[in-house]
């Protein structure tokens, strides 16, 4: 009887060790995949103007969503106030970010114009 409980304990420990080894192998595999360098296309078909247009369109979409939620809340529809506030904050943040990017681009343009030749 003592021997069988001892054998059961040993078998349980061996199962735990095997389980831990499998988990460790899985973690090593995930780590190896994560450490592989990602390839980035060196040439891109998108131009600066396309990127700028896409960014502005995203800002417009965020602002429209915020306004739509606010108007729905004002009409008394079942819209949580927290959703309205978050949407308006996202809208404000997107606009402020766009404004800052515009200012940086204009400053860079002025710096280029003022460069001595």
C-alpha atoms as a PDB file:
ATOM      1  CA  UNK A   1       0.000   0.000   0.000  1.00  0.00           C
ATOM      2  CA  UNK A   2       2.807   2.421   0.852  1.00  0.00           C
ATOM      3  CA  UNK A   3       4.558   1.355  -2.301  1.00  0.00           C
ATOM      4  CA  UNK A   4       1.529   2.088  -4.513  1.00  0.00           C
ATOM      5  CA  UNK A   5       1.056   5.578  -3.020  1.00  0.00           C
ATOM      6  CA  UNK A   6       4.761   6.200  -3.572  1.00  0.00           C
ATOM      7  CA  UNK A   7       4.451   5.035  -7.183  1.00  0.00           C
ATOM      8  CA  UNK A   8       1.419   7.268  -7.657  1.00  0.00           C
ATOM      9  CA  UNK A   9       3.340  10.268  -6.294  1.00  0.00           C
ATOM     10  CA  UNK A  10       6.268   9.543  -8.580  1.00  0.00           C
ATOM     11  CA  UNK A  11       3.943   9.150 -11.561  1.00  0.00           C
ATOM     12  CA  UNK A  12       2.238  12.446 -10.725  1.00  0.00           C
ATOM     13  CA  UNK A  13       5.600  14.203 -10.464  1.00  0.00           C
ATOM     14  CA  UNK A  14       6.719  12.734 -13.777  1.00  0.00           C
ATOM     15  CA  UNK A  15       3.507  13.962 -15.408  1.00  0.00           C
ATOM     16  CA  UNK A  16       4.089  17.446 -14.007  1.00  0.00           C
ATOM     17  CA  UNK A  17       7.655  17.430 -15.291  1.00  0.00           C
ATOM     18  CA  UNK A  18       6.480  16.339 -18.741  1.00  0.00           C
ATOM     19  CA  UNK A  19       3.787  19.024 -18.745  1.00  0.00           C
ATOM     20  CA  UNK A  20       6.308  21.687 -17.748  1.00  0.00           C
ATOM     21  CA  UNK A  21       8.707  20.541 -20.461  1.00  0.00           C
ATOM     22  CA  UNK A  22       5.962  20.825 -23.085  1.00  0.00           C
ATOM     23  CA  UNK A  23       5.071  24.321 -21.882  1.00  0.00           C
ATOM     24  CA  UNK A  24       8.748  25.290 -21.945  1.00  0.00           C
ATOM     25  CA  UNK A  25       9.087  23.988 -25.509  1.00  0.00           C
ATOM     26  CA  UNK A  26       6.012  25.989 -26.538  1.00  0.00           C
ATOM     27  CA  UNK A  27       7.437  29.135 -24.937  1.00  0.00           C
ATOM     28  CA  UNK A  28      10.778  28.612 -26.663  1.00  0.00           C
ATOM     29  CA  UNK A  29       9.011  28.228 -29.999  1.00  0.00           C
ATOM     30  CA  UNK A  30       7.014  31.434 -29.418  1.00  0.00           C
ATOM     31  CA  UNK A  31      10.182  33.250 -28.384  1.00  0.00           C
ATOM     32  CA  UNK A  32      11.985  32.069 -31.511  1.00  0.00           C
ATOM     33  CA  UNK A  33       9.116  33.286 -33.693  1.00  0.00           C
ATOM     34  CA  UNK A  34       9.012  36.646 -31.922  1.00  0.00           C
ATOM     35  CA  UNK A  35      12.750  37.205 -32.284  1.00  0.00           C
ATOM     36  CA  UNK A  36      12.753  36.631 -36.049  1.00  0.00           C
ATOM     37  CA  UNK A  37      13.229  39.918 -37.880  1.00  0.00           C
ATOM     38  CA  UNK A  38      10.216  41.133 -39.763  1.00  0.00           C
ATOM     39  CA  UNK A  39      10.665  42.040 -43.370  1.00  0.00           C
ATOM     40  CA  UNK A  40       9.589  45.454 -44.527  1.00  0.00           C
ATOM     41  CA  UNK A  41       9.250  46.310 -48.169  1.00  0.00           C
ATOM     42  CA  UNK A  42      12.044  48.690 -49.005  1.00  0.00           C
ATOM     43  CA  UNK A  43      10.067  50.258 -51.806  1.00  0.00           C
ATOM     44  CA  UNK A  44       6.628  51.600 -51.192  1.00  0.00           C
ATOM     45  CA  UNK A  45       4.052  52.442 -53.806  1.00  0.00           C
ATOM     46  CA  UNK A  46       2.281  54.965 -51.594  1.00  0.00           C
ATOM     47  CA  UNK A  47       3.231  58.583 -51.884  1.00  0.00           C
ATOM     48  CA  UNK A  48       3.324  61.188 -49.152  1.00  0.00           C
ATOM     49  CA  UNK A  49       0.161  62.784 -50.472  1.00  0.00           C
ATOM     50  CA  UNK A  50      -1.695  59.453 -50.278  1.00  0.00           C
ATOM     51  CA  UNK A  51      -0.551  58.913 -46.703  1.00  0.00           C
ATOM     52  CA  UNK A  52      -1.610  62.456 -45.788  1.00  0.00           C
ATOM     53  CA  UNK A  53      -5.006  62.011 -47.449  1.00  0.00           C
ATOM     54  CA  UNK A  54      -5.577  58.707 -45.651  1.00  0.00           C
ATOM     55  CA  UNK A  55      -4.636  60.250 -42.309  1.00  0.00           C
ATOM     56  CA  UNK A  56      -6.953  63.206 -42.864  1.00  0.00           C
ATOM     57  CA  UNK A  57      -9.781  60.884 -43.897  1.00  0.00           C
ATOM     58  CA  UNK A  58      -9.306  58.915 -40.674  1.00  0.00           C
ATOM     59  CA  UNK A  59      -9.448  62.136 -38.637  1.00  0.00           C
ATOM     60  CA  UNK A  60     -12.611  63.175 -40.454  1.00  0.00           C
ATOM     61  CA  UNK A  61     -14.174  59.765 -39.761  1.00  0.00           C
ATOM     62  CA  UNK A  62     -13.343  60.026 -36.051  1.00  0.00           C
ATOM     63  CA  UNK A  63     -14.831  63.519 -35.893  1.00  0.00           C
ATOM     64  CA  UNK A  64     -17.991  62.443 -37.722  1.00  0.00           C
ATOM     65  CA  UNK A  65     -18.429  59.504 -35.360  1.00  0.00           C
ATOM     66  CA  UNK A  66     -18.076  61.800 -32.358  1.00  0.00           C
ATOM     67  CA  UNK A  67     -20.603  64.256 -33.750  1.00  0.00           C
ATOM     68  CA  UNK A  68     -23.044  61.467 -34.618  1.00  0.00           C
ATOM     69  CA  UNK A  69     -22.875  60.036 -31.100  1.00  0.00           C
ATOM     70  CA  UNK A  70     -23.325  63.484 -29.563  1.00  0.00           C
ATOM     71  CA  UNK A  71     -26.330  64.221 -31.772  1.00  0.00           C
ATOM     72  CA  UNK A  72     -27.849  60.828 -30.948  1.00  0.00           C
ATOM     73  CA  UNK A  73     -27.405  61.533 -27.245  1.00  0.00           C
ATOM     74  CA  UNK A  74     -28.950  64.993 -27.666  1.00  0.00           C
ATOM     75  CA  UNK A  75     -31.983  63.437 -29.383  1.00  0.00           C
ATOM     76  CA  UNK A  76     -32.477  61.174 -26.373  1.00  0.00           C
ATOM     77  CA  UNK A  77     -31.443  57.918 -27.999  1.00  0.00           C
ATOM     78  CA  UNK A  78     -30.048  55.121 -25.858  1.00  0.00           C
ATOM     79  CA  UNK A  79     -26.384  56.122 -26.094  1.00  0.00           C
ATOM     80  CA  UNK A  80     -24.205  55.924 -22.972  1.00  0.00           C
ATOM     81  CA  UNK A  81     -22.748  59.260 -21.944  1.00  0.00           C
ATOM     82  CA  UNK A  82     -19.340  57.643 -21.502  1.00  0.00           C
ATOM     83  CA  UNK A  83     -19.333  56.609 -25.165  1.00  0.00           C
ATOM     84  CA  UNK A  84     -20.166  60.152 -26.203  1.00  0.00           C
ATOM     85  CA  UNK A  85     -17.436  61.652 -24.023  1.00  0.00           C
ATOM     86  CA  UNK A  86     -14.837  59.145 -25.246  1.00  0.00           C
ATOM     87  CA  UNK A  87     -15.755  59.730 -28.881  1.00  0.00           C
ATOM     88  CA  UNK A  88     -15.525  63.497 -28.422  1.00  0.00           C
ATOM     89  CA  UNK A  89     -12.138  63.168 -26.704  1.00  0.00           C
ATOM     90  CA  UNK A  90     -10.863  60.968 -29.541  1.00  0.00           C
ATOM     91  CA  UNK A  91     -12.124  63.558 -31.997  1.00  0.00           C
ATOM     92  CA  UNK A  92     -10.392  66.361 -30.140  1.00  0.00           C
ATOM     93  CA  UNK A  93      -7.149  64.412 -29.852  1.00  0.00           C
ATOM     94  CA  UNK A  94      -7.188  63.523 -33.553  1.00  0.00           C
ATOM     95  CA  UNK A  95      -7.742  67.162 -34.495  1.00  0.00           C
ATOM     96  CA  UNK A  96      -4.986  68.419 -32.169  1.00  0.00           C
ATOM     97  CA  UNK A  97      -2.572  65.806 -33.551  1.00  0.00           C
ATOM     98  CA  UNK A  98      -3.396  66.851 -37.103  1.00  0.00           C
ATOM     99  CA  UNK A  99      -2.850  70.480 -36.170  1.00  0.00           C
ATOM    100  CA  UNK A 100       0.555  69.683 -34.658  1.00  0.00           C
ATOM    101  CA  UNK A 101       1.617  67.715 -37.737  1.00  0.00           C
ATOM    102  CA  UNK A 102       0.541  70.619 -39.941  1.00  0.00           C
ATOM    103  CA  UNK A 103       2.579  73.036 -37.826  1.00  0.00           C
ATOM    104  CA  UNK A 104       5.668  70.814 -38.028  1.00  0.00           C
ATOM    105  CA  UNK A 105       5.333  70.449 -41.802  1.00  0.00           C
ATOM    106  CA  UNK A 106       4.974  74.212 -42.246  1.00  0.00           C
ATOM    107  CA  UNK A 107       7.982  74.847 -39.998  1.00  0.00           C
ATOM    108  CA  UNK A 108      10.068  72.379 -42.005  1.00  0.00           C
ATOM    109  CA  UNK A 109       8.935  74.031 -45.245  1.00  0.00           C
ATOM    110  CA  UNK A 110       9.905  77.470 -43.921  1.00  0.00           C
ATOM    111  CA  UNK A 111      13.284  76.135 -42.796  1.00  0.00           C
ATOM    112  CA  UNK A 112      13.915  74.735 -46.273  1.00  0.00           C
ATOM    113  CA  UNK A 113      12.922  78.031 -47.894  1.00  0.00           C
ATOM    114  CA  UNK A 114      15.281  79.963 -45.617  1.00  0.00           C
ATOM    115  CA  UNK A 115      18.276  77.721 -46.274  1.00  0.00           C
ATOM    116  CA  UNK A 116      21.189  79.473 -47.908  1.00  0.00           C
ATOM    117  CA  UNK A 117      22.195  78.092 -51.267  1.00  0.00           C
END
